[in-house]
Amino acid sequence: MFLALREIRHSKARYMLILVILLLVSFLVLFVTGLARGLAYANISAIENMPSNYYVVQGDADHTFRRSQLNDAELKAARAVVGDKNATPLAVQMSTITAADADVKADITFFAVDMDGMLAPKVIQGEGISNESQGSVIVDQKLEQSGITIGSTIRDQASGMSWKVAGFVQDSSYSHTPVVFINNRDWQEMKQGVGQGAAEAQSVPYNVIALHADTGQVKEITGQLDNVEVITQKQAISSIPGYSAEQNSLLMMIVFLFVIAAFVLAVFFYVITIQKTSQFGILKAMGTKMSYLAWSVVGQVMILSVASLCISLLLTFGMNRALPESMPFQLDASTIILTSCLFVAMSLLGALISVAKVAKVDALEAIGRTGA
């Protein structure tokens, strides 16, 4: 490490250039990672924050909630296995609402849930609603940015029904739209209004059944019910429209940034190593161990990558504070640690080419070249 620090101090301009390039790449990696995580959370937070770990969906629905249609028979069978409190129905309906007092039109997703069940929304402002109440909803806090407040009246364009906003919930989005929670009573009325009659609305009251179950109970439910499938929360999230395509695209960008960082670092240090071939040869002739020389190269890469990473983290946090609240950006501790470790690992991987070059340096040939 002494040799590595000594050389960095001697050639400040050269290593400062490498530091700046690594800083830009690491900042871009962290920013895109935070953006990818923020977009993912804005897409799936309503499902991710649910206490259920399994969902019963129709067998031919391709794991998509809105394509699934279940009835009371499936709900009774599921509750017979896991208990009434651990199985609750969930209905999903995407729509557009207007609010006269806020002069706003917004795309939202209705979630019809049992207000006494495990999917009941946790109100952070205002008050909750019961299963018996009528004409009241709980909405995601993002709608507050559109001018909707507690007491505002929102109207569903599809059914023509209107509700009064009773309270707000936090971090509850589905497919990049804020969630509006209604009780099953209003859901039935809404379906009867846009469907083809009350009988049909009663036969298909909801889309999925949320479960809190273990694998043994899941197998029992699957064996008892025909034409249904029990999926995990992860499978449900992956099937949200647009989620997989969006995340795969951003993941490809992040992977390429890691590869670019390793490639750029490898090229810079390989060129520097070639320029120092004679010095490495002399050091070998003097009896310097290869492990010491290799550690000096790796040490330089470690110092530069860690320093650039620390500065880029500060820049990322500063950028996050400057971004508007509507910008989907999220970086938690686990994501930062994983991204940082991967960045350092890719940097060290790129340095292996230089280490291999140092190992091939012949002391006598290098000394001869110096003498010539």
Protein backbone atom coordinates (compact mmCIF):
# COMPACT_ATOMS: atom_id res chain seq x y z
CA MET A 1 0.00 0.00 0.00
CA PHE A 2 2.98 2.33 0.62
CA LEU A 3 4.03 2.04 -3.03
CA ALA A 4 0.47 2.67 -4.22
CA LEU A 5 0.03 5.83 -2.12
CA ARG A 6 3.49 7.10 -3.05
CA GLU A 7 2.78 6.78 -6.78
CA ILE A 8 -0.67 8.43 -6.51
CA ARG A 9 0.93 11.35 -4.69
CA HIS A 10 3.67 11.62 -7.32
CA SER A 11 1.32 11.54 -10.35
CA LYS A 12 -1.64 13.54 -9.06
CA ALA A 13 -2.97 14.70 -12.43
CA ARG A 14 -3.00 11.23 -13.95
CA TYR A 15 -4.85 9.61 -11.06
CA MET A 16 -7.17 12.58 -10.61
CA LEU A 17 -8.36 12.04 -14.18
CA ILE A 18 -9.10 8.39 -13.43
CA LEU A 19 -10.88 9.44 -10.21
CA VAL A 20 -13.13 11.88 -12.08
CA ILE A 21 -14.10 9.25 -14.66
CA LEU A 22 -14.86 6.71 -11.95
CA LEU A 23 -16.82 9.36 -10.06
CA LEU A 24 -19.04 10.08 -13.05
CA VAL A 25 -19.65 6.39 -13.75
CA SER A 26 -20.37 5.53 -10.09
CA PHE A 27 -22.72 8.51 -9.75
CA LEU A 28 -24.59 7.40 -12.86
CA VAL A 29 -24.80 3.82 -11.52
CA LEU A 30 -26.21 5.00 -8.19
CA PHE A 31 -28.64 7.45 -9.78
CA VAL A 32 -30.02 4.93 -12.28
CA THR A 33 -30.25 2.31 -9.53
CA GLY A 34 -32.20 4.73 -7.33
CA LEU A 35 -34.43 5.63 -10.25
CA ALA A 36 -35.06 1.96 -11.04
CA ARG A 37 -35.93 1.22 -7.42
CA GLY A 38 -38.14 4.32 -7.24
CA LEU A 39 -40.01 3.40 -10.41
CA ALA A 40 -40.45 -0.16 -9.15
CA TYR A 41 -41.83 1.04 -5.83
CA ALA A 42 -44.20 3.46 -7.56
CA ASN A 43 -45.45 0.49 -9.59
CA ILE A 44 -45.84 -2.16 -6.89
CA SER A 45 -46.00 -0.48 -3.47
CA ALA A 46 -49.67 -1.37 -2.90
CA ILE A 47 -48.92 -5.09 -3.35
CA GLU A 48 -45.46 -5.02 -1.75
CA ASN A 49 -46.81 -3.48 1.47
CA MET A 50 -49.64 -6.00 1.85
CA PRO A 51 -49.27 -8.48 4.75
CA SER A 52 -50.36 -11.40 2.54
CA ASN A 53 -47.71 -13.73 1.09
CA TYR A 54 -49.86 -15.70 -1.38
CA TYR A 55 -52.71 -14.92 -3.77
CA VAL A 56 -55.36 -17.18 -5.27
CA VAL A 57 -56.01 -16.29 -8.91
CA GLN A 58 -57.88 -17.86 -11.76
CA GLY A 59 -55.84 -20.52 -13.54
CA ASP A 60 -55.92 -18.89 -16.98
CA ALA A 61 -55.31 -15.31 -15.76
CA ASP A 62 -51.51 -15.44 -16.31
CA HIS A 63 -51.04 -14.29 -12.69
CA THR A 64 -52.64 -10.93 -13.55
CA PHE A 65 -55.13 -9.69 -10.96
CA ARG A 66 -57.47 -7.87 -13.35
CA ARG A 67 -57.85 -10.94 -15.59
CA SER A 68 -58.86 -13.17 -12.68
CA GLN A 69 -62.46 -13.71 -11.55
CA LEU A 70 -63.34 -15.65 -8.41
CA ASN A 71 -66.51 -16.24 -6.41
CA ASP A 72 -67.65 -17.05 -2.88
CA ALA A 73 -67.08 -20.81 -3.35
CA GLU A 74 -63.31 -20.31 -3.74
CA LEU A 75 -63.26 -17.90 -0.79
CA LYS A 76 -65.06 -20.41 1.47
CA ALA A 77 -62.66 -23.19 0.47
CA ALA A 78 -59.62 -21.02 1.15
CA ARG A 79 -60.93 -19.90 4.53
CA ALA A 80 -61.66 -23.49 5.50
CA VAL A 81 -57.92 -24.18 5.17
CA VAL A 82 -56.24 -21.03 6.50
CA GLY A 83 -58.98 -19.47 8.63
CA ASP A 84 -61.26 -16.48 8.09
CA LYS A 85 -58.69 -13.90 9.14
CA ASN A 86 -55.98 -15.24 6.82
CA ALA A 87 -58.01 -15.20 3.59
CA THR A 88 -59.65 -12.05 2.33
CA PRO A 89 -61.02 -11.03 -1.08
CA LEU A 90 -59.51 -8.27 -3.18
CA ALA A 91 -61.11 -6.61 -6.21
CA VAL A 92 -59.05 -4.48 -8.60
CA GLN A 93 -60.40 -1.99 -11.12
CA MET A 94 -58.45 0.70 -13.00
CA SER A 95 -60.40 3.84 -13.80
CA THR A 96 -60.31 7.63 -14.09
CA ILE A 97 -61.67 10.01 -11.49
CA THR A 98 -62.46 13.69 -11.45
CA ALA A 99 -62.69 16.11 -8.55
CA ALA A 100 -64.79 19.19 -9.14
CA ASP A 101 -63.32 21.22 -6.26
CA ALA A 102 -59.76 20.42 -7.37
CA ASP A 103 -60.39 20.64 -11.14
CA VAL A 104 -58.39 17.46 -11.68
CA LYS A 105 -58.66 14.29 -13.71
CA ALA A 106 -56.47 11.39 -12.63
CA ASP A 107 -55.96 7.72 -13.46
CA ILE A 108 -56.37 5.56 -10.37
CA THR A 109 -56.87 1.94 -9.33
CA PHE A 110 -59.78 0.92 -7.13
CA PHE A 111 -59.00 -1.66 -4.45
CA ALA A 112 -62.14 -3.13 -2.91
CA VAL A 113 -61.20 -4.73 0.41
CA ASP A 114 -62.73 -5.94 3.64
CA MET A 115 -62.23 -2.97 5.97
CA ASP A 116 -62.02 -5.35 8.94
CA GLY A 117 -59.58 -7.74 7.21
CA MET A 118 -55.81 -7.86 6.88
CA LEU A 119 -55.83 -5.73 3.72
CA ALA A 120 -57.58 -2.81 5.41
CA PRO A 121 -55.58 0.38 4.62
CA LYS A 122 -53.57 2.06 7.39
CA VAL A 123 -54.77 5.66 7.47
CA ILE A 124 -52.07 8.27 8.14
CA GLN A 125 -54.35 11.29 7.89
CA GLY A 126 -58.11 11.61 8.31
CA GLU A 127 -60.18 8.63 9.38
CA GLY A 128 -60.90 5.12 8.15
CA ILE A 129 -64.13 3.71 6.80
CA SER A 130 -66.15 0.65 7.77
CA ASN A 131 -67.78 -2.10 5.73
CA GLU A 132 -71.20 -0.55 6.40
CA SER A 133 -70.35 3.01 5.41
CA GLN A 134 -71.38 4.25 1.98
CA GLY A 135 -70.00 6.99 -0.23
CA SER A 136 -66.57 7.27 1.48
CA VAL A 137 -63.10 6.23 0.28
CA ILE A 138 -59.50 6.26 1.42
CA VAL A 139 -56.98 7.40 -1.19
CA ASP A 140 -53.23 7.38 -1.68
CA GLN A 141 -51.44 10.51 -0.52
CA LYS A 142 -50.12 11.18 -4.05
CA LEU A 143 -53.57 12.47 -4.98
CA GLU A 144 -53.07 15.27 -2.48
CA GLN A 145 -50.50 16.73 -4.89
CA SER A 146 -53.31 17.04 -7.43
CA GLY A 147 -55.34 19.22 -5.05
CA ILE A 148 -57.54 16.51 -3.54
CA THR A 149 -57.98 16.97 0.21
CA ILE A 150 -59.91 15.27 2.99
CA GLY A 151 -63.55 16.06 2.34
CA SER A 152 -63.09 16.37 -1.44
CA THR A 153 -65.65 14.59 -3.60
CA ILE A 154 -64.26 12.37 -6.35
CA ARG A 155 -66.31 10.92 -9.20
CA ASP A 156 -65.64 7.75 -11.18
CA GLN A 157 -66.03 8.42 -14.89
CA ALA A 158 -66.95 4.82 -15.75
CA SER A 159 -69.76 4.25 -13.24
CA GLY A 160 -70.71 7.83 -12.44
CA MET A 161 -70.51 7.13 -8.71
CA SER A 162 -69.16 9.73 -6.31
CA TRP A 163 -67.36 9.36 -2.98
CA LYS A 164 -66.09 11.65 -0.26
CA VAL A 165 -62.41 11.33 0.66
CA ALA A 166 -62.27 10.25 4.32
CA GLY A 167 -58.51 9.76 4.71
CA PHE A 168 -55.10 9.27 3.15
CA VAL A 169 -52.74 6.29 3.06
CA GLN A 170 -49.02 6.35 2.27
CA ASP A 171 -47.09 4.47 -0.43
CA SER A 172 -49.99 2.71 -2.07
CA SER A 173 -49.61 2.64 -5.85
CA TYR A 174 -50.50 0.03 -8.43
CA SER A 175 -49.18 0.12 -11.99
CA HIS A 176 -47.99 3.72 -11.47
CA THR A 177 -51.47 4.88 -10.41
CA PRO A 178 -52.62 5.92 -6.91
CA VAL A 179 -54.88 3.41 -5.17
CA VAL A 180 -58.38 4.34 -4.00
CA PHE A 181 -59.70 1.97 -1.33
CA ILE A 182 -63.44 1.27 -1.23
CA ASN A 183 -65.44 -1.24 0.80
CA ASN A 184 -67.20 -4.25 -0.70
CA ARG A 185 -70.61 -2.58 -0.41
CA ASP A 186 -69.64 0.26 -2.74
CA TRP A 187 -67.82 -2.24 -4.97
CA GLN A 188 -71.01 -4.26 -5.45
CA GLU A 189 -72.96 -1.13 -6.26
CA MET A 190 -70.34 0.02 -8.74
CA LYS A 191 -70.26 -3.37 -10.50
CA GLN A 192 -74.05 -3.49 -10.72
CA GLY A 193 -74.02 -0.03 -12.22
CA VAL A 194 -71.55 -0.86 -15.03
CA GLY A 195 -72.23 -4.58 -15.39
CA GLN A 196 -75.13 -6.48 -16.85
CA GLY A 197 -77.20 -6.96 -13.74
CA ALA A 198 -77.03 -7.66 -10.06
CA ALA A 199 -76.94 -11.43 -10.47
CA GLU A 200 -73.80 -11.33 -12.55
CA ALA A 201 -72.15 -8.81 -10.23
CA GLN A 202 -72.77 -11.12 -7.29
CA SER A 203 -71.36 -14.13 -9.16
CA VAL A 204 -68.02 -12.40 -9.73
CA PRO A 205 -67.55 -10.15 -6.68
CA TYR A 206 -63.76 -9.90 -6.73
CA ASN A 207 -60.57 -10.77 -8.60
CA VAL A 208 -58.22 -12.51 -6.17
CA ILE A 209 -58.05 -13.92 -2.66
CA ALA A 210 -55.15 -12.69 -0.53
CA LEU A 211 -53.72 -15.33 1.79
CA HIS A 212 -51.44 -15.46 4.78
CA ALA A 213 -50.46 -19.11 4.60
CA ASP A 214 -47.63 -21.63 4.63
CA THR A 215 -46.61 -23.95 1.78
CA GLY A 216 -48.60 -26.88 3.19
CA GLN A 217 -51.81 -24.87 3.24
CA VAL A 218 -51.12 -23.61 -0.27
CA LYS A 219 -50.83 -27.20 -1.56
CA GLU A 220 -54.08 -28.11 0.19
CA ILE A 221 -55.94 -25.17 -1.38
CA THR A 222 -54.56 -25.97 -4.84
CA GLY A 223 -55.63 -29.59 -4.47
CA GLN A 224 -59.17 -28.70 -3.43
CA LEU A 225 -59.91 -26.05 -6.05
CA ASP A 226 -60.06 -26.51 -9.81
CA ASN A 227 -59.08 -23.87 -12.33
CA VAL A 228 -57.24 -21.74 -9.76
CA GLU A 229 -53.59 -21.09 -9.03
CA VAL A 230 -51.91 -19.92 -5.86
CA ILE A 231 -49.04 -17.52 -6.60
CA THR A 232 -46.45 -15.89 -4.37
CA GLN A 233 -46.25 -12.18 -3.72
CA LYS A 234 -43.16 -12.03 -5.93
CA GLN A 235 -45.05 -13.64 -8.83
CA ALA A 236 -47.94 -11.23 -8.33
CA ILE A 237 -45.58 -8.26 -8.45
CA SER A 238 -43.82 -9.53 -11.60
CA SER A 239 -47.19 -9.82 -13.34
CA ILE A 240 -48.19 -6.20 -12.79
CA PRO A 241 -48.53 -4.68 -16.30
CA GLY A 242 -45.28 -3.06 -17.44
CA TYR A 243 -43.29 -3.94 -14.32
CA SER A 244 -40.99 -6.62 -15.77
CA ALA A 245 -40.30 -4.75 -19.02
CA GLU A 246 -39.52 -1.54 -17.18
CA GLN A 247 -37.21 -3.15 -14.64
CA ASN A 248 -35.43 -5.34 -17.20
CA SER A 249 -34.62 -2.27 -19.32
CA LEU A 250 -33.22 -0.35 -16.36
CA LEU A 251 -31.33 -3.41 -15.12
CA MET A 252 -29.66 -3.75 -18.53
CA MET A 253 -28.53 -0.12 -18.31
CA ILE A 254 -27.09 -0.68 -14.82
CA VAL A 255 -25.25 -3.83 -15.92
CA PHE A 256 -23.72 -2.00 -18.89
CA LEU A 257 -22.59 0.81 -16.57
CA PHE A 258 -20.82 -1.72 -14.34
CA VAL A 259 -19.14 -3.27 -17.38
CA ILE A 260 -18.12 0.16 -18.68
CA ALA A 261 -16.62 1.05 -15.29
CA ALA A 262 -14.55 -2.15 -15.25
CA PHE A 263 -13.48 -1.71 -18.88
CA VAL A 264 -12.45 1.95 -18.49
CA LEU A 265 -10.48 1.22 -15.34
CA ALA A 266 -8.82 -1.80 -16.95
CA VAL A 267 -7.69 0.22 -19.98
CA PHE A 268 -6.31 3.10 -17.90
CA PHE A 269 -4.33 0.87 -15.55
CA TYR A 270 -3.12 -1.38 -18.35
CA VAL A 271 -1.64 1.61 -20.17
CA ILE A 272 -0.06 2.87 -16.94
CA THR A 273 1.34 -0.60 -16.23
CA ILE A 274 2.92 -0.80 -19.71
CA GLN A 275 4.56 2.58 -19.10
CA LYS A 276 5.99 1.29 -15.81
CA THR A 277 7.27 -2.06 -17.13
CA SER A 278 10.91 -1.10 -16.52
CA GLN A 279 10.24 0.03 -12.94
CA PHE A 280 8.43 -3.22 -12.16
CA GLY A 281 11.35 -5.18 -13.66
CA ILE A 282 13.86 -3.33 -11.48
CA LEU A 283 11.75 -3.94 -8.39
CA LYS A 284 11.59 -7.65 -9.25
CA ALA A 285 15.36 -7.74 -9.75
CA MET A 286 15.77 -6.19 -6.32
CA GLY A 287 13.85 -9.10 -4.84
CA THR A 288 10.43 -7.48 -4.43
CA LYS A 289 7.77 -10.14 -4.17
CA MET A 290 5.10 -10.40 -6.84
CA SER A 291 2.41 -10.31 -4.13
CA TYR A 292 3.66 -6.87 -3.03
CA LEU A 293 3.59 -5.51 -6.59
CA ALA A 294 0.14 -6.98 -7.22
CA TRP A 295 -1.15 -5.49 -3.99
CA SER A 296 0.18 -2.05 -5.01
CA VAL A 297 -1.86 -2.18 -8.26
CA VAL A 298 -4.95 -3.51 -6.49
CA GLY A 299 -4.46 -0.93 -3.72
CA GLN A 300 -4.49 1.92 -6.21
CA VAL A 301 -7.70 0.63 -7.76
CA MET A 302 -9.26 0.17 -4.33
CA ILE A 303 -8.35 3.69 -3.22
CA LEU A 304 -9.66 5.31 -6.39
CA SER A 305 -12.88 3.29 -6.58
CA VAL A 306 -13.75 3.77 -2.89
CA ALA A 307 -12.92 7.50 -3.01
CA SER A 308 -15.03 8.03 -6.14
CA LEU A 309 -17.84 5.99 -4.61
CA CYS A 310 -17.90 8.07 -1.42
CA ILE A 311 -18.04 11.32 -3.37
CA SER A 312 -20.74 9.98 -5.71
CA LEU A 313 -22.84 8.90 -2.70
CA LEU A 314 -22.71 12.46 -1.39
CA LEU A 315 -23.68 13.79 -4.81
CA THR A 316 -26.53 11.28 -5.07
CA PHE A 317 -27.94 12.24 -1.67
CA GLY A 318 -27.67 15.91 -2.62
CA MET A 319 -29.41 15.25 -5.92
CA ASN A 320 -32.15 13.33 -4.12
CA ARG A 321 -32.87 16.33 -1.90
CA ALA A 322 -33.07 18.60 -4.93
CA LEU A 323 -35.42 16.33 -6.89
CA PRO A 324 -39.15 17.11 -6.77
CA GLU A 325 -41.33 14.81 -4.66
CA SER A 326 -43.07 13.54 -7.78
CA MET A 327 -39.77 12.08 -9.02
CA PRO A 328 -39.70 8.33 -8.27
CA PHE A 329 -36.30 7.93 -6.62
CA GLN A 330 -35.48 5.56 -3.78
CA LEU A 331 -32.20 4.28 -2.35
CA ASP A 332 -32.34 2.23 0.83
CA ALA A 333 -29.34 1.02 2.84
CA SER A 334 -29.35 -2.51 1.40
CA THR A 335 -29.43 -1.21 -2.20
CA ILE A 336 -26.57 1.21 -1.50
CA ILE A 337 -24.41 -1.51 0.10
CA LEU A 338 -25.07 -4.00 -2.71
CA THR A 339 -24.44 -1.43 -5.47
CA SER A 340 -21.26 -0.17 -3.79
CA CYS A 341 -19.86 -3.67 -3.31
CA LEU A 342 -20.61 -4.57 -6.92
CA PHE A 343 -18.95 -1.38 -8.18
CA VAL A 344 -15.77 -2.02 -6.17
CA ALA A 345 -15.76 -5.68 -7.23
CA MET A 346 -16.07 -4.77 -10.92
CA SER A 347 -13.28 -2.22 -10.53
CA LEU A 348 -11.01 -4.83 -8.97
CA LEU A 349 -11.94 -7.27 -11.71
CA GLY A 350 -10.82 -4.75 -14.31
CA ALA A 351 -7.50 -4.36 -12.47
CA LEU A 352 -6.68 -8.06 -12.83
CA ILE A 353 -5.46 -7.45 -16.40
CA SER A 354 -2.80 -5.09 -15.06
CA VAL A 355 -1.83 -7.59 -12.35
CA ALA A 356 -1.43 -10.27 -15.01
CA LYS A 357 0.80 -7.92 -17.03
CA VAL A 358 2.98 -7.22 -14.00
CA ALA A 359 3.32 -10.96 -13.38
CA LYS A 360 4.66 -11.45 -16.93
CA VAL A 361 7.33 -8.76 -16.61
CA ASP A 362 10.81 -10.32 -16.90
CA ALA A 363 13.35 -8.61 -14.62
CA LEU A 364 16.40 -9.16 -16.88
CA GLU A 365 14.57 -8.02 -20.00
CA ALA A 366 13.27 -4.92 -18.22
CA ILE A 367 16.72 -4.04 -16.91
CA GLY A 368 18.21 -4.56 -20.36
CA ARG A 369 15.59 -2.28 -21.90
CA THR A 370 16.41 0.37 -19.27
CA GLY A 371 20.12 0.12 -19.93
CA ALA A 372 19.60 0.42 -23.65
